[in-house]
Amino acid sequence: MRILLVEDEEGLAQPLLALLRRERYATSWVASVEGAYSALSQAEPDLLILDVMLPEGEDAGFELAQSLRQGGYQGSILFLTARDTIEDRVQGLDLGGDDYLVKPFSLTELLARVRALLRRNAHSKQAYIARGPLRVDQSGRRVFWQEQLRELSEKEFALLELLALHPEKTFAVEELLERFFPEADSGHRILRVYVHRLREKLAPEAILTVPGGYRLGV
């Protein structure tokens, strides 16, 4: 199970990182929204542990969670924050959070909540996405086209997985760039390169270019 910790207080983040890794979770740590988007573009975690107040703003964690849910993120989100009002809790859950833990907290309780969220995620997450000749093995991170295994990079897989999870949705170019290539200087060109690679590895009709963006073609 993969966990991404988004926490700008290094004094808290480092012990949490060590604790989660001791529990054998593959855990990464970033300290900002920018770092989170970069990490998410490489691989989608099963659980996002997210502070609310980050360098980008007092509500940056809420805004990140909302953006990820709108973009199709399927993992669990646990808010870990000092903001303890009922209004904050309700806002966090309404924007896509699955749980909300207020600082300071018990490490034992944190681990219990992590286990519960990961169990829930494992039960709800589809093992396979089947769309016509396309089959995406989410747990094994493999892709098959007409029953033939196709080798994809992590970012190619992540892009295809998102499109396959929402086959009727058109994803705007700007949305995909923000999600997968937030630091790219080449703009739309890098997205076109990845779409071209996927079409080469699967089939030209696998991904459709539509006004304003892309969607799955099968």
C-alpha atoms as a PDB file:
ATOM      1  CA  MET A   1       0.000   0.000   0.000  1.00  0.00           C
ATOM      2  CA  ARG A   2       1.310   3.438  -0.986  1.00  0.00           C
ATOM      3  CA  ILE A   3       0.903   6.498   1.257  1.00  0.00           C
ATOM      4  CA  LEU A   4       1.718  10.114   0.453  1.00  0.00           C
ATOM      5  CA  LEU A   5       2.213  12.423   3.445  1.00  0.00           C
ATOM      6  CA  VAL A   6       1.751  16.142   2.693  1.00  0.00           C
ATOM      7  CA  GLU A   7       2.990  18.032   5.752  1.00  0.00           C
ATOM      8  CA  ASP A   8       5.114  21.182   5.930  1.00  0.00           C
ATOM      9  CA  GLU A   9       6.263  20.745   9.551  1.00  0.00           C
ATOM     10  CA  GLU A  10       9.414  18.656   9.220  1.00  0.00           C
ATOM     11  CA  GLY A  11       9.503  18.022  12.959  1.00  0.00           C
ATOM     12  CA  LEU A  12       6.190  16.170  12.660  1.00  0.00           C
ATOM     13  CA  ALA A  13       6.656  14.735   9.201  1.00  0.00           C
ATOM     14  CA  GLN A  14       9.914  12.885   9.850  1.00  0.00           C
ATOM     15  CA  PRO A  15       8.634  10.842  12.849  1.00  0.00           C
ATOM     16  CA  LEU A  16       5.411  10.034  10.970  1.00  0.00           C
ATOM     17  CA  LEU A  17       7.393   8.965   7.929  1.00  0.00           C
ATOM     18  CA  ALA A  18       9.551   6.675  10.057  1.00  0.00           C
ATOM     19  CA  LEU A  19       6.507   5.242  11.855  1.00  0.00           C
ATOM     20  CA  LEU A  20       4.599   4.449   8.662  1.00  0.00           C
ATOM     21  CA  ARG A  21       7.647   2.887   7.057  1.00  0.00           C
ATOM     22  CA  ARG A  22       8.206   0.725  10.135  1.00  0.00           C
ATOM     23  CA  GLU A  23       4.654  -0.506   9.604  1.00  0.00           C
ATOM     24  CA  ARG A  24       5.774  -1.518   6.092  1.00  0.00           C
ATOM     25  CA  TYR A  25       3.793   1.078   4.194  1.00  0.00           C
ATOM     26  CA  ALA A  26       5.513   2.510   1.129  1.00  0.00           C
ATOM     27  CA  THR A  27       5.404   6.117   2.284  1.00  0.00           C
ATOM     28  CA  SER A  28       6.630   9.310   0.631  1.00  0.00           C
ATOM     29  CA  TRP A  29       6.712  12.799   2.112  1.00  0.00           C
ATOM     30  CA  VAL A  30       6.342  16.224   0.489  1.00  0.00           C
ATOM     31  CA  ALA A  31       5.953  19.612   2.155  1.00  0.00           C
ATOM     32  CA  SER A  32       3.733  21.547  -0.281  1.00  0.00           C
ATOM     33  CA  VAL A  33       0.894  21.346  -2.776  1.00  0.00           C
ATOM     34  CA  GLU A  34       3.425  21.705  -5.576  1.00  0.00           C
ATOM     35  CA  GLY A  35       5.352  18.723  -4.220  1.00  0.00           C
ATOM     36  CA  ALA A  36       2.121  16.739  -3.893  1.00  0.00           C
ATOM     37  CA  TYR A  37       1.183  17.252  -7.544  1.00  0.00           C
ATOM     38  CA  SER A  38       4.677  16.206  -8.587  1.00  0.00           C
ATOM     39  CA  ALA A  39       4.494  13.014  -6.506  1.00  0.00           C
ATOM     40  CA  LEU A  40       0.960  12.233  -7.685  1.00  0.00           C
ATOM     41  CA  SER A  41       2.021  12.550 -11.300  1.00  0.00           C
ATOM     42  CA  GLN A  42       4.468   9.688 -10.760  1.00  0.00           C
ATOM     43  CA  ALA A  43       2.141   7.280  -8.938  1.00  0.00           C
ATOM     44  CA  GLU A  44      -1.272   7.548  -7.307  1.00  0.00           C
ATOM     45  CA  PRO A  45      -1.144   6.639  -3.600  1.00  0.00           C
ATOM     46  CA  ASP A  46      -3.751   4.492  -1.892  1.00  0.00           C
ATOM     47  CA  LEU A  47      -3.884   7.004   0.964  1.00  0.00           C
ATOM     48  CA  LEU A  48      -3.162  10.725   1.116  1.00  0.00           C
ATOM     49  CA  ILE A  49      -2.401  12.097   4.606  1.00  0.00           C
ATOM     50  CA  LEU A  50      -2.918  15.803   4.143  1.00  0.00           C
ATOM     51  CA  ASP A  51      -2.339  18.891   6.263  1.00  0.00           C
ATOM     52  CA  VAL A  52      -4.766  21.743   5.625  1.00  0.00           C
ATOM     53  CA  MET A  53      -2.436  24.709   6.139  1.00  0.00           C
ATOM     54  CA  LEU A  54       0.451  24.459   3.687  1.00  0.00           C
ATOM     55  CA  PRO A  55       2.900  26.992   2.192  1.00  0.00           C
ATOM     56  CA  GLU A  56       0.436  27.788  -0.598  1.00  0.00           C
ATOM     57  CA  GLY A  57      -2.229  29.015   1.845  1.00  0.00           C
ATOM     58  CA  GLU A  58      -4.351  28.376   4.924  1.00  0.00           C
ATOM     59  CA  ASP A  59      -6.894  26.334   2.934  1.00  0.00           C
ATOM     60  CA  ALA A  60      -4.392  24.809   0.498  1.00  0.00           C
ATOM     61  CA  GLY A  61      -5.011  21.266   1.736  1.00  0.00           C
ATOM     62  CA  PHE A  62      -8.762  21.614   1.293  1.00  0.00           C
ATOM     63  CA  GLU A  63      -8.256  23.005  -2.192  1.00  0.00           C
ATOM     64  CA  LEU A  64      -5.881  20.186  -3.116  1.00  0.00           C
ATOM     65  CA  ALA A  65      -8.337  17.528  -1.944  1.00  0.00           C
ATOM     66  CA  GLN A  66     -11.170  19.117  -3.907  1.00  0.00           C
ATOM     67  CA  SER A  67      -9.043  19.349  -7.047  1.00  0.00           C
ATOM     68  CA  LEU A  68      -7.941  15.723  -6.777  1.00  0.00           C
ATOM     69  CA  ARG A  69     -11.491  14.454  -6.315  1.00  0.00           C
ATOM     70  CA  GLN A  70     -12.659  16.467  -9.311  1.00  0.00           C
ATOM     71  CA  GLY A  71      -9.788  14.964 -11.296  1.00  0.00           C
ATOM     72  CA  GLY A  72     -10.820  11.405 -10.443  1.00  0.00           C
ATOM     73  CA  TYR A  73      -8.536  10.507  -7.533  1.00  0.00           C
ATOM     74  CA  GLN A  74      -9.887   7.248  -6.057  1.00  0.00           C
ATOM     75  CA  GLY A  75      -7.704   6.821  -2.984  1.00  0.00           C
ATOM     76  CA  SER A  76      -8.521   7.747   0.604  1.00  0.00           C
ATOM     77  CA  ILE A  77      -7.795  11.179   2.106  1.00  0.00           C
ATOM     78  CA  LEU A  78      -7.039  11.684   5.794  1.00  0.00           C
ATOM     79  CA  PHE A  79      -6.780  15.286   6.936  1.00  0.00           C
ATOM     80  CA  LEU A  80      -4.202  15.791   9.687  1.00  0.00           C
ATOM     81  CA  THR A  81      -4.445  19.338  10.990  1.00  0.00           C
ATOM     82  CA  ALA A  82      -4.555  21.674  13.971  1.00  0.00           C
ATOM     83  CA  ARG A  83      -7.807  23.200  12.689  1.00  0.00           C
ATOM     84  CA  ASP A  84     -10.366  21.712  15.042  1.00  0.00           C
ATOM     85  CA  THR A  85     -13.682  23.510  14.574  1.00  0.00           C
ATOM     86  CA  ILE A  86     -16.796  21.655  13.501  1.00  0.00           C
ATOM     87  CA  GLU A  87     -16.926  23.893  10.426  1.00  0.00           C
ATOM     88  CA  ASP A  88     -13.408  22.824   9.414  1.00  0.00           C
ATOM     89  CA  ARG A  89     -14.246  19.140   9.870  1.00  0.00           C
ATOM     90  CA  VAL A  90     -17.423  19.434   7.821  1.00  0.00           C
ATOM     91  CA  GLN A  91     -15.657  21.373   5.087  1.00  0.00           C
ATOM     92  CA  GLY A  92     -12.859  18.822   4.859  1.00  0.00           C
ATOM     93  CA  LEU A  93     -15.246  15.880   4.594  1.00  0.00           C
ATOM     94  CA  ASP A  94     -17.496  17.672   2.112  1.00  0.00           C
ATOM     95  CA  LEU A  95     -14.522  18.453  -0.140  1.00  0.00           C
ATOM     96  CA  GLY A  96     -13.541  14.806  -0.437  1.00  0.00           C
ATOM     97  CA  GLY A  97     -11.878  13.795   2.806  1.00  0.00           C
ATOM     98  CA  ASP A  98     -12.582  10.354   4.251  1.00  0.00           C
ATOM     99  CA  ASP A  99     -11.372  11.104   7.781  1.00  0.00           C
ATOM    100  CA  TYR A 100     -10.202  14.056   9.881  1.00  0.00           C
ATOM    101  CA  LEU A 101      -7.698  13.864  12.760  1.00  0.00           C
ATOM    102  CA  VAL A 102      -6.828  16.893  14.854  1.00  0.00           C
ATOM    103  CA  LYS A 103      -3.309  17.661  16.100  1.00  0.00           C
ATOM    104  CA  PRO A 104      -2.020  16.733  18.623  1.00  0.00           C
ATOM    105  CA  PHE A 105      -3.012  13.110  18.205  1.00  0.00           C
ATOM    106  CA  SER A 106      -2.114   9.637  19.383  1.00  0.00           C
ATOM    107  CA  LEU A 107       0.158   7.667  17.070  1.00  0.00           C
ATOM    108  CA  THR A 108      -1.811   4.546  17.962  1.00  0.00           C
ATOM    109  CA  GLU A 109      -5.027   6.215  16.837  1.00  0.00           C
ATOM    110  CA  LEU A 110      -3.387   7.457  13.642  1.00  0.00           C
ATOM    111  CA  LEU A 111      -2.261   3.940  12.728  1.00  0.00           C
ATOM    112  CA  ALA A 112      -5.732   2.562  13.445  1.00  0.00           C
ATOM    113  CA  ARG A 113      -7.298   5.138  11.151  1.00  0.00           C
ATOM    114  CA  VAL A 114      -4.709   4.419   8.449  1.00  0.00           C
ATOM    115  CA  ARG A 115      -5.451   0.690   8.631  1.00  0.00           C
ATOM    116  CA  ALA A 116      -9.210   1.309   8.451  1.00  0.00           C
ATOM    117  CA  LEU A 117      -8.942   3.615   5.448  1.00  0.00           C
ATOM    118  CA  LEU A 118      -6.630   1.257   3.569  1.00  0.00           C
ATOM    119  CA  ARG A 119      -8.946  -1.684   4.246  1.00  0.00           C
ATOM    120  CA  ARG A 120     -11.881   0.328   2.946  1.00  0.00           C
ATOM    121  CA  ASN A 121      -9.892   1.386  -0.115  1.00  0.00           C
ATOM    122  CA  ALA A 122      -8.803  -2.181  -0.866  1.00  0.00           C
ATOM    123  CA  HIS A 123     -12.402  -3.419  -0.758  1.00  0.00           C
ATOM    124  CA  SER A 124     -13.779  -0.632  -2.943  1.00  0.00           C
ATOM    125  CA  LYS A 125     -11.010  -0.348  -5.501  1.00  0.00           C
ATOM    126  CA  GLN A 126     -11.565  -2.250  -8.705  1.00  0.00           C
ATOM    127  CA  ALA A 127      -8.981  -4.934  -9.326  1.00  0.00           C
ATOM    128  CA  TYR A 128      -9.450  -4.526 -13.073  1.00  0.00           C
ATOM    129  CA  ILE A 129     -10.935  -1.922 -15.366  1.00  0.00           C
ATOM    130  CA  ALA A 130     -12.241  -3.493 -18.568  1.00  0.00           C
ATOM    131  CA  ARG A 131     -13.135  -1.205 -21.486  1.00  0.00           C
ATOM    132  CA  GLY A 132     -13.533  -3.059 -24.765  1.00  0.00           C
ATOM    133  CA  PRO A 133     -10.111  -4.410 -25.779  1.00  0.00           C
ATOM    134  CA  LEU A 134      -8.463  -2.518 -22.904  1.00  0.00           C
ATOM    135  CA  ARG A 135      -7.873  -4.073 -19.477  1.00  0.00           C
ATOM    136  CA  VAL A 136      -6.152  -2.139 -16.697  1.00  0.00           C
ATOM    137  CA  ASP A 137      -4.854  -4.114 -13.717  1.00  0.00           C
ATOM    138  CA  GLN A 138      -4.814  -1.454 -10.994  1.00  0.00           C
ATOM    139  CA  SER A 139      -3.223  -3.532  -8.263  1.00  0.00           C
ATOM    140  CA  GLY A 140      -0.521  -4.967 -10.507  1.00  0.00           C
ATOM    141  CA  ARG A 141      -0.044  -1.711 -12.456  1.00  0.00           C
ATOM    142  CA  ARG A 142      -0.316  -3.591 -15.770  1.00  0.00           C
ATOM    143  CA  VAL A 143      -2.167  -2.836 -19.015  1.00  0.00           C
ATOM    144  CA  PHE A 144      -3.437  -5.291 -21.601  1.00  0.00           C
ATOM    145  CA  TRP A 145      -4.692  -4.454 -25.086  1.00  0.00           C
ATOM    146  CA  GLN A 146      -6.472  -7.277 -26.884  1.00  0.00           C
ATOM    147  CA  GLU A 147      -5.061  -9.600 -24.188  1.00  0.00           C
ATOM    148  CA  GLN A 148      -1.489  -8.548 -24.965  1.00  0.00           C
ATOM    149  CA  LEU A 149       0.578  -7.024 -22.153  1.00  0.00           C
ATOM    150  CA  ARG A 150       1.806  -3.533 -23.024  1.00  0.00           C
ATOM    151  CA  GLU A 151       4.712  -1.923 -21.193  1.00  0.00           C
ATOM    152  CA  LEU A 152       3.904   1.556 -19.914  1.00  0.00           C
ATOM    153  CA  SER A 153       5.839   4.040 -17.844  1.00  0.00           C
ATOM    154  CA  GLU A 154       4.414   5.093 -14.463  1.00  0.00           C
ATOM    155  CA  LYS A 155       3.123   8.358 -15.873  1.00  0.00           C
ATOM    156  CA  GLU A 156       1.659   6.708 -18.970  1.00  0.00           C
ATOM    157  CA  PHE A 157      -0.118   4.222 -16.716  1.00  0.00           C
ATOM    158  CA  ALA A 158      -1.450   6.957 -14.433  1.00  0.00           C
ATOM    159  CA  LEU A 159      -2.826   8.948 -17.370  1.00  0.00           C
ATOM    160  CA  LEU A 160      -4.466   5.915 -18.961  1.00  0.00           C
ATOM    161  CA  GLU A 161      -5.878   4.742 -15.612  1.00  0.00           C
ATOM    162  CA  LEU A 162      -7.586   8.096 -15.080  1.00  0.00           C
ATOM    163  CA  LEU A 163      -9.157   8.043 -18.541  1.00  0.00           C
ATOM    164  CA  ALA A 164     -10.266   4.426 -18.086  1.00  0.00           C
ATOM    165  CA  LEU A 165     -11.874   5.143 -14.714  1.00  0.00           C
ATOM    166  CA  HIS A 166     -14.043   7.836 -16.320  1.00  0.00           C
ATOM    167  CA  PRO A 167     -14.661   6.643 -19.905  1.00  0.00           C
ATOM    168  CA  GLU A 168     -17.474   9.111 -20.614  1.00  0.00           C
ATOM    169  CA  LYS A 169     -15.653  12.166 -19.284  1.00  0.00           C
ATOM    170  CA  THR A 170     -13.705  14.623 -21.405  1.00  0.00           C
ATOM    171  CA  PHE A 171     -10.629  15.797 -19.509  1.00  0.00           C
ATOM    172  CA  ALA A 172      -9.580  19.321 -20.359  1.00  0.00           C
ATOM    173  CA  VAL A 173      -5.980  19.792 -21.447  1.00  0.00           C
ATOM    174  CA  GLU A 174      -5.398  22.275 -18.607  1.00  0.00           C
ATOM    175  CA  GLU A 175      -6.743  19.799 -16.037  1.00  0.00           C
ATOM    176  CA  LEU A 176      -4.450  17.024 -17.240  1.00  0.00           C
ATOM    177  CA  LEU A 177      -1.452  19.334 -17.338  1.00  0.00           C
ATOM    178  CA  GLU A 178      -2.092  20.503 -13.778  1.00  0.00           C
ATOM    179  CA  ARG A 179      -2.511  16.939 -12.550  1.00  0.00           C
ATOM    180  CA  PHE A 180       0.329  15.174 -14.344  1.00  0.00           C
ATOM    181  CA  PHE A 181       2.770  17.850 -15.516  1.00  0.00           C
ATOM    182  CA  PRO A 182       2.503  20.781 -13.063  1.00  0.00           C
ATOM    183  CA  GLU A 183       6.143  21.789 -13.511  1.00  0.00           C
ATOM    184  CA  ALA A 184       6.441  21.290 -17.258  1.00  0.00           C
ATOM    185  CA  ASP A 185       7.677  24.262 -19.289  1.00  0.00           C
ATOM    186  CA  SER A 186       6.596  22.864 -22.643  1.00  0.00           C
ATOM    187  CA  GLY A 187       2.871  23.306 -22.030  1.00  0.00           C
ATOM    188  CA  HIS A 188       0.483  21.306 -24.176  1.00  0.00           C
ATOM    189  CA  ARG A 189       3.326  19.687 -26.111  1.00  0.00           C
ATOM    190  CA  ILE A 190       4.345  17.280 -23.333  1.00  0.00           C
ATOM    191  CA  LEU A 191       0.755  16.056 -22.964  1.00  0.00           C
ATOM    192  CA  ARG A 192       0.532  15.467 -26.711  1.00  0.00           C
ATOM    193  CA  VAL A 193       3.738  13.426 -26.507  1.00  0.00           C
ATOM    194  CA  TYR A 194       2.312  11.135 -23.818  1.00  0.00           C
ATOM    195  CA  VAL A 195      -0.990  10.701 -25.638  1.00  0.00           C
ATOM    196  CA  HIS A 196       0.943   9.841 -28.809  1.00  0.00           C
ATOM    197  CA  ARG A 197       2.986   7.247 -26.899  1.00  0.00           C
ATOM    198  CA  LEU A 198      -0.144   5.624 -25.505  1.00  0.00           C
ATOM    199  CA  ARG A 199      -1.723   5.457 -28.940  1.00  0.00           C
ATOM    200  CA  GLU A 200       1.435   3.852 -30.301  1.00  0.00           C
ATOM    201  CA  LYS A 201       1.511   1.258 -27.531  1.00  0.00           C
ATOM    202  CA  LEU A 202      -2.235   0.510 -27.618  1.00  0.00           C
ATOM    203  CA  ALA A 203      -4.035   1.698 -30.758  1.00  0.00           C
ATOM    204  CA  PRO A 204      -4.796   5.059 -32.415  1.00  0.00           C
ATOM    205  CA  GLU A 205      -8.426   4.818 -31.331  1.00  0.00           C
ATOM    206  CA  ALA A 206      -7.609   4.130 -27.668  1.00  0.00           C
ATOM    207  CA  ILE A 207      -7.606   7.836 -26.802  1.00  0.00           C
ATOM    208  CA  LEU A 208      -9.769  10.377 -28.586  1.00  0.00           C
ATOM    209  CA  THR A 209      -8.923  14.018 -29.135  1.00  0.00           C
ATOM    210  CA  VAL A 210     -12.092  16.025 -28.577  1.00  0.00           C
ATOM    211  CA  PRO A 211     -12.718  19.793 -28.417  1.00  0.00           C
ATOM    212  CA  GLY A 212     -10.783  21.062 -25.423  1.00  0.00           C
ATOM    213  CA  GLY A 213      -9.184  17.806 -24.312  1.00  0.00           C
ATOM    214  CA  TYR A 214      -9.070  14.033 -24.392  1.00  0.00           C
ATOM    215  CA  ARG A 215     -11.190  11.039 -23.391  1.00  0.00           C
ATOM    216  CA  LEU A 216     -11.026   7.284 -23.610  1.00  0.00           C
ATOM    217  CA  GLY A 217     -11.971   5.983 -27.041  1.00  0.00           C
ATOM    218  CA  VAL A 218     -13.045   2.434 -26.166  1.00  0.00           C
END
